[in-house]
Amino acid sequence: MIERLQEIESEALAAVQASADKKELEQARIQYLGKKGAITEVLRGMGQLPEDERPVVGQKANEVRENIQEAITGKSEAFEKAEWEQRLEQEEIDVTLPGRPVKQGSTHPLTAVVEEIEDIFIGLGFDVTEGPEVETDYFNFEMINLPPNHPARDMQDSFYISEDTLLRTQTSPVQARTLQKHEGEGPVRIICPGKVYRRDEDDATHSHQFMQIEGLYVDENVRMSDLKGIFDTFVKHYFGQDRQIRLRPSFFPFTEPSAEIDVTCGICAGDGCRICKQSGWIEVLGSGMVHPRVLELNGFDPEVYSGFAFGMGVERFAMLKYGIDDIRHFYTNDKRFLSQFQHL
């Protein structure tokens, strides 16, 4: 049986060396080392041997198996090395070719507009203040002169979470919170950027969620002329030095007097066109002098302090500046749209 094992070893090593590819090598492994291979057949016949010969034959069988397995492993590694070298020859890499550019993200246009507006107002002496998006009815309505059952509440169809809690409909609650923190001591100069929510039907110019920036300036002897001067400076910085503003009388429950601020149309330079409906002007925001009742509710003496407030839609300012015709573009995350603002 020892002689048979030696014959198997010689035949197996020859078969391994003669293998032309991995398939033939696997066939040789199965033929000699498989469950029905030559080595297994020898081991099955060990039961017929005298007991004193069995250890010797078993030891020889293990040595033969190890030698064959070692030869198979070496041949397999040789095949893998040859395949790798062949791939290197076929897949040559030209290291002098330029690399593929990595696509980088860019600032979202709404973020860019908010940051630009913040920079302008910071330069005018204002601070940037933020507040919660889930707000109480107390701060969202009552502290800005909209008590329960006030008819002006119908102007803002709100998302209520509970009877006294809602998604804020404007960033005005931040103004009320800031006034109360000052405990009746001015000056207060802030802008409040952030998301607001109203139950509007989504279309090209409306969204149930949008961004707003409100501002507040409260101090002694603040006048309407201060409001006009601030916004004349702001508009020239944001839209261009050639743009003009005008104030039109309006109504807001938290300001008195109130005014809409218009800007000369950037398309026709005030001559009248389809965009401005032949008027030469485009409405951009609402503003006015802070209602004395709002000052009083939030701890300021209206006999000593006065102020102005304003509110602007970020999407509207972005649409006017970049010629965007549909507010929904800002929220669809379409890369074709966003890639146009790589320069921001």
Foldseek 3Di string as FASTA:
>chain_A
DLVQLVVLLVVLLVQLVPDPAPVSLVVSCCQDPNCPHPLVVVLVPLVVDPPVCSVVVVVSSVVSNVSSVVSSVVSNVVRVVVVVVVCCVVDPDDPVDDDDDDDDAADQLLRVLVVLLQVLLVVVVAAEDEDDQKDFCCLQAVLLQHDPPRVCVVVFAFAAPDPTIGGRQARSSRVLVVLLVCQQDDFHWYKYKDKGAGPDDFWQPDDRIFIKIKIKTKAFPDDVVNVLVSVLSSCCSQQHVLKDKDWDFDDDSFAPRKTWIKIFQPVPSQCADPVCNGRRIDTFWIKHKGDCSSCVSSNHHSVGMIMMMIMGTSLVSSCRRPVRRGSCVSPPPDCVVSVVVRVD
